[in-house]
Amino acid sequence: MKVTYLMNEFPILTENFIIYEIQGLLKRKVDVKVLSLAEPQTDRFSEIPKKFGFEHIIRYAKNYSNEKSHLFLTIFWLLRLVLKGRLSSVTKLFKDKSQFGIYPRFHLLRIAYQLETCHPQSDILFCHFGPLGNLGASLKYYGLIKHKLVTSFHGYDMSRTLQSEGNQVYDLLFSQAEKLIFVSQYFCDKAIALGCAKDKTAVVHTAIDCELFEFSPRSYPNNQTFNFITVGRLTAKKDHASLIEVFAQLIQANPNLTLNLKVVGSGPDYQALDTLIQALGVTSRVKLMGALQHQQVRENLKQSDIFVLNCVTAPDGDEEGIPGSIMEALALGLPVVSTSHTGVPELVTHMQSGLIATEYNKEALLKMLQKIIDQSELWPTFTKNGRQKVETEFERNNESDKLLNLLTTL
């Protein structure tokens, strides 16, 4: 089986889950190539493909800015289609302009040609995420590709995109795709409600390799020092600002304890958060760590006692999938505090494998953080059940097998 991944940028630090997904297919002897529309900037570039020796499967799409090149290449690509017996595709390109407001004709031809040359006779085109799936759907609609089309949805594409583009934004994709994959049942149900055929849908979790995360259940600190950690992009849907404000209140409410918080990640909110930390007078207790490579993130998790992630729906409608950072924290044996946001409760069950606060509720979040400090008897149950949950439903090998089975049926 030959699978071509179509990506906007690859490989990037914040999307290591896609890299591991591809690695899982490669281990299962699937012939995979990646066509990336852009090369990531240095500070966003992930070294994982190079580390594991599969950076050679990545191709970067060529762009043509010269007007004469546009004309020559358009004629060349159209002639190729005719010679390949695809006159109907050429005719449709000129008669049906329904997709040109989204993708220019030249753009569609350019991507179709590069997909073909990147991985000749590929069986499946796999798109991350919904908007790129729309590109794949347009290519298929015009007959420019013959792949089976698979698209994986993760969060923003089933939330923010719907708010900005409307609920009909994926109508063409829903009709053209053979399989639509969702990281949570929450988003799967949302797509079905929008008109996606249920038999086209499947839930495949983003997952982790539990063997890489040695389970070491955290013991309750005897030195009255609690080291909290949060990991995630510094964006509105992680709402680090509210977490830091709540954490400052937690410090005030527990003068006899030493409470520290590491904030791991980069993003547009960095400067605002730095200013907030200074304004609250907690610079000695709350540290912005910036973006870290995956191994560094893991080491920081190992050095921490409690994991917290304040997921919320952003003002622009952006929603979280099921964060991999929570999976990693549970796998390592950290007690977890998070929110009732989208698919998070599919991973963390309140009072069984962690604590869940009501989304957008600072008082509830403060209450849960205080509870995790006060009730040491909860920790053994949470850590045991948390690890078991990840091993059962969010283990990479299991999810890779599930994905392979789905692709094989196509």
Protein backbone atom coordinates (compact mmCIF):
# COMPACT_ATOMS: atom_id res chain seq x y z
CA MET A 1 0.00 0.00 0.00
CA LYS A 2 1.25 3.47 -0.94
CA VAL A 3 0.16 6.46 1.13
CA THR A 4 0.93 10.11 0.36
CA TYR A 5 0.57 12.63 3.16
CA LEU A 6 -0.32 16.18 2.14
CA MET A 7 0.78 18.69 4.78
CA ASN A 8 0.95 22.48 5.10
CA GLU A 9 4.24 22.35 7.04
CA PHE A 10 6.24 19.28 7.97
CA PRO A 11 7.82 18.39 10.32
CA ILE A 12 6.99 20.86 13.11
CA LEU A 13 7.39 20.62 16.88
CA THR A 14 3.74 21.18 17.74
CA GLU A 15 2.62 18.34 15.45
CA ASN A 16 4.87 15.52 16.60
CA PHE A 17 1.76 13.34 16.83
CA ILE A 18 1.59 13.31 13.01
CA ILE A 19 5.26 12.39 12.79
CA TYR A 20 4.69 9.43 15.11
CA GLU A 21 1.59 8.44 13.15
CA ILE A 22 3.70 8.28 9.98
CA GLN A 23 6.45 6.40 11.81
CA GLY A 24 3.87 3.82 12.90
CA LEU A 25 2.82 3.21 9.30
CA LEU A 26 6.44 2.96 8.16
CA LYS A 27 7.07 0.31 10.83
CA ARG A 28 4.12 -1.61 9.40
CA LYS A 29 5.76 -1.67 5.97
CA VAL A 30 3.51 0.98 4.42
CA ASP A 31 5.18 2.93 1.61
CA VAL A 32 4.76 6.53 2.82
CA LYS A 33 5.83 9.81 1.24
CA VAL A 34 5.08 13.34 2.48
CA LEU A 35 4.42 16.35 0.27
CA SER A 36 4.71 19.48 2.40
CA LEU A 37 3.52 22.77 0.93
CA ALA A 38 6.09 24.70 2.99
CA GLU A 39 9.26 24.05 4.97
CA PRO A 40 9.04 24.94 8.68
CA GLN A 41 11.12 27.75 10.11
CA THR A 42 14.12 26.66 12.17
CA ASP A 43 12.53 27.34 15.56
CA ARG A 44 9.51 25.18 14.62
CA PHE A 45 11.40 22.33 12.96
CA SER A 46 11.16 18.90 14.59
CA GLU A 47 14.24 16.67 14.49
CA ILE A 48 12.30 13.42 15.00
CA PRO A 49 12.24 12.26 11.32
CA LYS A 50 15.99 12.80 11.08
CA LYS A 51 16.57 11.08 14.42
CA PHE A 52 14.70 7.98 13.30
CA GLY A 53 16.04 8.01 9.75
CA PHE A 54 13.00 8.77 7.64
CA GLU A 55 13.60 12.41 6.68
CA HIS A 56 14.18 11.16 3.09
CA ILE A 57 10.44 10.56 2.60
CA ILE A 58 9.71 14.32 2.79
CA ARG A 59 9.30 16.40 -0.37
CA TYR A 60 8.63 20.14 -0.47
CA ALA A 61 6.27 21.54 -3.08
CA LYS A 62 7.77 23.83 -5.69
CA ASN A 63 6.29 27.29 -6.15
CA TYR A 64 6.35 29.16 -9.45
CA SER A 65 6.09 32.95 -9.25
CA ASN A 66 7.01 33.77 -12.86
CA GLU A 67 3.97 34.52 -15.07
CA LYS A 68 5.48 32.83 -18.13
CA SER A 69 6.21 29.74 -16.06
CA HIS A 70 2.55 29.71 -14.99
CA LEU A 71 1.35 29.69 -18.58
CA PHE A 72 3.87 27.12 -19.83
CA LEU A 73 3.34 24.74 -16.93
CA THR A 74 -0.45 25.03 -17.11
CA ILE A 75 -0.39 24.03 -20.78
CA PHE A 76 2.08 21.22 -20.00
CA TRP A 77 -0.02 19.81 -17.15
CA LEU A 78 -3.24 20.03 -19.19
CA LEU A 79 -1.60 18.19 -22.12
CA ARG A 80 -0.41 15.47 -19.73
CA LEU A 81 -3.97 14.97 -18.53
CA VAL A 82 -5.22 14.66 -22.11
CA LEU A 83 -2.49 12.16 -22.99
CA LYS A 84 -3.41 10.16 -19.89
CA GLY A 85 -6.99 9.89 -21.10
CA ARG A 86 -8.31 12.47 -18.62
CA LEU A 87 -9.97 14.81 -21.11
CA SER A 88 -13.04 14.90 -18.86
CA SER A 89 -10.94 16.45 -16.09
CA VAL A 90 -9.66 19.16 -18.43
CA THR A 91 -13.20 19.88 -19.61
CA LYS A 92 -14.49 20.08 -16.05
CA LEU A 93 -11.67 22.45 -15.06
CA PHE A 94 -12.81 24.92 -17.71
CA LYS A 95 -16.56 24.48 -17.42
CA ASP A 96 -17.02 24.11 -13.63
CA LYS A 97 -15.50 27.00 -11.72
CA SER A 98 -17.18 26.25 -8.38
CA GLN A 99 -13.89 25.67 -6.58
CA PHE A 100 -11.85 28.48 -8.12
CA GLY A 101 -12.86 30.99 -5.48
CA ILE A 102 -10.97 28.75 -3.04
CA TYR A 103 -8.17 27.30 -5.18
CA PRO A 104 -6.97 28.79 -8.50
CA ARG A 105 -6.81 26.39 -11.45
CA PHE A 106 -3.01 26.69 -11.61
CA HIS A 107 -2.72 25.83 -7.91
CA LEU A 108 -4.82 22.70 -8.33
CA LEU A 109 -2.81 21.54 -11.35
CA ARG A 110 0.50 22.30 -9.59
CA ILE A 111 -0.38 20.28 -6.48
CA ALA A 112 -1.86 17.40 -8.50
CA TYR A 113 1.30 17.13 -10.61
CA GLN A 114 3.60 17.22 -7.59
CA LEU A 115 1.53 14.62 -5.75
CA GLU A 116 1.90 12.36 -8.77
CA THR A 117 5.66 12.85 -9.12
CA CYS A 118 6.25 12.73 -5.35
CA HIS A 119 4.76 9.24 -5.04
CA PRO A 120 3.74 7.65 -8.36
CA GLN A 121 0.70 5.35 -8.29
CA SER A 122 -0.06 6.14 -4.67
CA ASP A 123 -3.26 4.53 -3.36
CA ILE A 124 -4.27 6.97 -0.62
CA LEU A 125 -4.01 10.72 -0.11
CA PHE A 126 -3.95 11.44 3.63
CA CYS A 127 -4.59 15.07 4.63
CA HIS A 128 -4.06 16.72 7.99
CA PHE A 129 -6.30 18.77 8.71
CA GLY A 130 -9.82 19.67 7.50
CA PRO A 131 -8.87 22.73 5.36
CA LEU A 132 -6.17 20.73 3.58
CA GLY A 133 -8.72 17.94 3.17
CA ASN A 134 -10.79 20.49 1.25
CA LEU A 135 -7.86 20.90 -1.15
CA GLY A 136 -7.74 17.13 -1.59
CA ALA A 137 -11.50 17.09 -2.17
CA SER A 138 -11.21 19.74 -4.90
CA LEU A 139 -8.44 17.76 -6.60
CA LYS A 140 -10.64 14.68 -6.53
CA TYR A 141 -13.75 16.60 -7.60
CA TYR A 142 -12.01 17.68 -10.82
CA GLY A 143 -10.55 14.23 -11.42
CA LEU A 144 -6.97 15.48 -11.02
CA ILE A 145 -6.11 12.66 -8.61
CA LYS A 146 -7.31 9.07 -8.37
CA HIS A 147 -6.36 8.48 -4.73
CA LYS A 148 -8.72 7.35 -2.03
CA LEU A 149 -9.07 10.46 0.11
CA VAL A 150 -8.59 10.34 3.89
CA THR A 151 -8.66 13.40 6.15
CA SER A 152 -7.88 13.63 9.85
CA PHE A 153 -9.56 16.32 11.98
CA HIS A 154 -7.94 17.49 15.21
CA GLY A 155 -9.54 20.56 16.78
CA TYR A 156 -9.38 23.99 15.19
CA ASP A 157 -10.68 22.51 11.93
CA MET A 158 -13.91 21.36 13.60
CA SER A 159 -14.31 24.51 15.67
CA ARG A 160 -12.65 27.78 14.64
CA THR A 161 -12.94 26.98 10.93
CA LEU A 162 -16.67 26.33 11.26
CA GLN A 163 -17.15 29.64 13.06
CA SER A 164 -15.22 31.61 10.43
CA GLU A 165 -16.25 29.74 7.27
CA GLY A 166 -19.71 28.41 8.14
CA ASN A 167 -21.15 24.95 8.75
CA GLN A 168 -21.11 24.09 5.03
CA VAL A 169 -17.35 24.49 4.68
CA TYR A 170 -16.75 20.72 4.51
CA ASP A 171 -19.71 19.70 2.33
CA LEU A 172 -17.48 18.85 -0.65
CA LEU A 173 -14.99 17.00 1.56
CA PHE A 174 -17.75 14.98 3.23
CA SER A 175 -18.92 13.87 -0.23
CA GLN A 176 -15.51 13.21 -1.81
CA ALA A 177 -13.60 11.52 1.05
CA GLU A 178 -13.60 7.79 1.57
CA LYS A 179 -12.73 8.08 5.26
CA LEU A 180 -12.81 10.91 7.80
CA ILE A 181 -10.87 10.38 11.01
CA PHE A 182 -11.40 12.27 14.26
CA VAL A 183 -9.23 12.40 17.38
CA SER A 184 -12.24 12.36 19.69
CA GLN A 185 -15.82 11.12 19.71
CA TYR A 186 -16.82 14.70 20.47
CA PHE A 187 -15.64 15.93 17.05
CA CYS A 188 -16.88 12.81 15.28
CA ASP A 189 -20.40 13.42 16.58
CA LYS A 190 -20.11 17.07 15.57
CA ALA A 191 -19.26 16.11 11.96
CA ILE A 192 -22.18 13.68 11.76
CA ALA A 193 -24.50 16.43 12.99
CA LEU A 194 -23.19 18.60 10.11
CA GLY A 195 -24.20 15.94 7.57
CA CYS A 196 -21.16 13.67 7.30
CA ALA A 197 -22.16 10.06 6.61
CA LYS A 198 -21.62 8.03 9.77
CA ASP A 199 -20.13 5.07 7.88
CA LYS A 200 -17.34 7.33 6.60
CA THR A 201 -16.24 8.32 10.10
CA ALA A 202 -13.85 6.73 12.56
CA VAL A 203 -12.17 7.75 15.80
CA VAL A 204 -8.41 7.20 15.96
CA HIS A 205 -6.80 8.87 18.93
CA THR A 206 -3.59 10.76 18.82
CA ALA A 207 -1.48 8.47 20.98
CA ILE A 208 1.86 7.95 22.67
CA ASP A 209 4.32 5.08 22.96
CA CYS A 210 3.89 4.04 26.57
CA GLU A 211 7.23 2.22 26.52
CA LEU A 212 8.94 5.60 26.26
CA PHE A 213 7.21 6.81 29.42
CA GLU A 214 8.32 4.86 32.45
CA PHE A 215 5.49 4.78 34.95
CA SER A 216 6.66 6.34 38.19
CA PRO A 217 3.59 7.30 40.26
CA ARG A 218 4.21 10.52 42.11
CA SER A 219 4.41 10.27 45.86
CA TYR A 220 2.94 13.07 47.92
CA PRO A 221 5.72 15.63 48.65
CA ASN A 222 6.91 15.57 52.25
CA ASN A 223 8.89 18.78 51.94
CA GLN A 224 5.80 20.96 51.39
CA THR A 225 6.98 21.81 47.87
CA PHE A 226 4.62 21.13 44.96
CA ASN A 227 6.00 21.47 41.43
CA PHE A 228 3.21 22.01 38.91
CA ILE A 229 3.71 21.90 35.14
CA THR A 230 1.60 22.80 32.11
CA VAL A 231 2.58 22.00 28.52
CA GLY A 232 0.99 23.53 25.43
CA ARG A 233 1.06 26.29 22.86
CA LEU A 234 0.65 29.75 24.38
CA THR A 235 -2.69 30.41 22.70
CA ALA A 236 -6.19 31.35 23.81
CA LYS A 237 -7.55 27.80 23.88
CA LYS A 238 -5.00 26.84 26.55
CA ASP A 239 -5.92 29.98 28.57
CA HIS A 240 -2.60 30.16 30.42
CA ALA A 241 -3.50 33.63 31.64
CA SER A 242 -6.41 32.37 33.76
CA LEU A 243 -4.28 29.48 35.02
CA ILE A 244 -1.52 31.87 36.13
CA GLU A 245 -4.06 34.13 37.85
CA VAL A 246 -5.57 31.14 39.65
CA PHE A 247 -2.11 29.86 40.56
CA ALA A 248 -1.25 33.23 42.13
CA GLN A 249 -4.39 32.88 44.27
CA LEU A 250 -3.34 29.33 45.18
CA ILE A 251 0.03 30.62 46.37
CA GLN A 252 -1.68 33.22 48.56
CA ALA A 253 -4.05 30.62 49.99
CA ASN A 254 -1.17 28.32 50.97
CA PRO A 255 1.52 30.49 52.63
CA ASN A 256 3.10 27.46 54.33
CA LEU A 257 3.69 25.65 51.05
CA THR A 258 6.13 26.28 48.20
CA LEU A 259 4.17 26.14 44.97
CA ASN A 260 5.96 26.36 41.62
CA LEU A 261 4.61 26.31 38.05
CA LYS A 262 6.51 25.67 34.82
CA VAL A 263 4.80 26.80 31.62
CA VAL A 264 6.27 24.88 28.68
CA GLY A 265 5.50 26.12 25.17
CA SER A 266 5.72 29.08 22.83
CA GLY A 267 3.13 31.09 21.00
CA PRO A 268 1.56 34.50 20.47
CA ASP A 269 0.60 34.96 24.14
CA TYR A 270 4.19 34.74 25.43
CA GLN A 271 4.79 38.46 26.03
CA ALA A 272 1.37 39.03 27.58
CA LEU A 273 1.91 36.13 29.96
CA ASP A 274 5.37 37.40 30.91
CA THR A 275 3.85 40.79 31.72
CA LEU A 276 1.08 39.15 33.74
CA ILE A 277 3.54 37.10 35.81
CA GLN A 278 5.44 40.25 36.71
CA ALA A 279 2.26 42.18 37.52
CA LEU A 280 1.10 39.40 39.87
CA GLY A 281 4.49 39.32 41.61
CA VAL A 282 5.05 35.61 41.04
CA THR A 283 8.20 35.69 38.93
CA SER A 284 10.00 33.43 41.43
CA ARG A 285 7.21 30.84 41.30
CA VAL A 286 5.98 30.82 37.68
CA LYS A 287 8.49 30.24 34.87
CA LEU A 288 7.93 30.52 31.12
CA MET A 289 10.13 27.78 29.63
CA GLY A 290 9.51 28.48 25.93
CA ALA A 291 9.37 25.77 23.26
CA LEU A 292 11.36 22.62 24.07
CA GLN A 293 12.28 19.53 22.09
CA HIS A 294 10.24 16.47 23.00
CA GLN A 295 12.92 14.84 25.15
CA GLN A 296 13.30 18.07 27.14
CA VAL A 297 9.54 18.21 27.71
CA ARG A 298 9.61 14.65 29.01
CA GLU A 299 12.44 15.43 31.41
CA ASN A 300 10.54 18.43 32.78
CA LEU A 301 7.46 16.28 33.28
CA LYS A 302 9.54 13.74 35.20
CA GLN A 303 10.77 16.49 37.54
CA SER A 304 7.22 17.67 38.32
CA ASP A 305 4.58 16.55 40.82
CA ILE A 306 1.27 17.68 39.27
CA PHE A 307 0.17 18.36 35.70
CA VAL A 308 -2.45 20.99 34.89
CA LEU A 309 -3.92 22.12 31.56
CA ASN A 310 -6.64 24.78 31.41
CA CYS A 311 -8.31 24.00 28.08
CA VAL A 312 -11.13 26.34 26.97
CA THR A 313 -12.92 27.35 23.79
CA ALA A 314 -11.13 30.44 22.43
CA PRO A 315 -13.06 33.60 21.49
CA ASP A 316 -12.59 32.74 17.80
CA GLY A 317 -14.20 29.34 18.37
CA ASP A 318 -10.95 27.36 18.44
CA GLU A 319 -11.28 24.11 20.41
CA GLU A 320 -8.78 21.55 21.63
CA GLY A 321 -8.64 17.92 20.58
CA ILE A 322 -7.38 15.52 23.24
CA PRO A 323 -4.00 16.96 24.26
CA GLY A 324 -1.03 14.63 23.98
CA SER A 325 0.62 16.41 26.89
CA ILE A 326 -2.09 15.06 29.21
CA MET A 327 -1.49 11.54 27.88
CA GLU A 328 2.21 11.84 28.57
CA ALA A 329 1.62 13.17 32.09
CA LEU A 330 -0.75 10.29 32.89
CA ALA A 331 1.65 7.74 31.41
CA LEU A 332 4.48 9.04 33.60
CA GLY A 333 2.35 8.89 36.75
CA LEU A 334 1.48 12.54 37.41
CA PRO A 335 -1.85 13.48 38.98
CA VAL A 336 -3.73 15.59 36.41
CA VAL A 337 -6.07 18.57 36.68
CA SER A 338 -7.85 19.77 33.53
CA THR A 339 -11.23 21.01 32.31
CA SER A 340 -14.49 19.66 30.87
CA HIS A 341 -13.44 20.86 27.41
CA THR A 342 -14.48 18.88 24.28
CA GLY A 343 -12.75 15.47 24.33
CA VAL A 344 -10.67 15.93 27.49
CA PRO A 345 -13.19 13.94 29.62
CA GLU A 346 -12.74 11.06 27.15
CA LEU A 347 -9.20 10.80 28.56
CA VAL A 348 -9.50 12.08 32.15
CA THR A 349 -12.43 10.82 34.21
CA HIS A 350 -13.22 13.09 37.14
CA MET A 351 -12.34 11.52 40.51
CA GLN A 352 -11.09 8.35 38.80
CA SER A 353 -8.01 9.34 36.82
CA GLY A 354 -7.79 13.04 37.68
CA LEU A 355 -9.76 16.15 38.48
CA ILE A 356 -11.93 18.06 35.99
CA ALA A 357 -12.95 21.68 36.48
CA THR A 358 -15.78 23.35 34.64
CA GLU A 359 -14.52 25.15 31.56
CA TYR A 360 -14.17 28.95 31.93
CA ASN A 361 -14.60 28.68 35.71
CA LYS A 362 -11.62 30.08 37.63
CA GLU A 363 -13.23 29.29 40.98
CA ALA A 364 -13.70 25.65 39.95
CA LEU A 365 -10.11 25.45 38.72
CA LEU A 366 -8.79 26.91 41.98
CA LYS A 367 -10.93 24.42 43.91
CA MET A 368 -9.53 21.47 41.92
CA LEU A 369 -5.92 22.64 42.38
CA GLN A 370 -6.49 23.02 46.10
CA LYS A 371 -8.12 19.59 46.22
CA ILE A 372 -5.16 17.89 44.53
CA ILE A 373 -2.88 19.49 47.16
CA ASP A 374 -5.06 18.66 50.14
CA GLN A 375 -6.15 15.11 49.39
CA SER A 376 -3.08 12.92 49.16
CA GLU A 377 -5.24 9.79 49.29
CA LEU A 378 -6.41 10.52 45.72
CA TRP A 379 -2.98 10.33 44.15
CA PRO A 380 -2.44 6.51 44.05
CA THR A 381 -5.86 5.93 42.47
CA PHE A 382 -5.47 8.73 39.94
CA THR A 383 -2.01 7.68 38.80
CA LYS A 384 -2.88 3.99 38.52
CA ASN A 385 -6.11 4.59 36.60
CA GLY A 386 -4.52 7.28 34.45
CA ARG A 387 -1.75 5.00 33.24
CA GLN A 388 -4.23 2.20 32.61
CA LYS A 389 -6.47 4.53 30.55
CA VAL A 390 -3.58 5.59 28.33
CA GLU A 391 -2.37 2.00 27.85
CA THR A 392 -5.87 0.83 26.93
CA GLU A 393 -7.13 3.60 24.65
CA PHE A 394 -4.25 5.94 23.80
CA GLU A 395 -1.29 3.65 23.16
CA ARG A 396 0.46 4.36 19.88
CA ASN A 397 0.92 0.78 18.71
CA ASN A 398 -2.77 0.02 19.20
CA GLU A 399 -3.86 3.17 17.38
CA SER A 400 -1.34 2.54 14.58
CA ASP A 401 -2.85 -0.92 14.08
CA LYS A 402 -6.32 0.62 14.05
CA LEU A 403 -5.26 3.20 11.46
CA LEU A 404 -3.59 0.55 9.28
CA ASN A 405 -6.75 -1.56 9.35
CA LEU A 406 -8.85 1.45 8.31
CA LEU A 407 -6.53 2.28 5.40
CA THR A 408 -6.36 -1.36 4.32
CA THR A 409 -10.15 -1.54 3.99
CA LEU A 410 -9.97 1.26 1.41
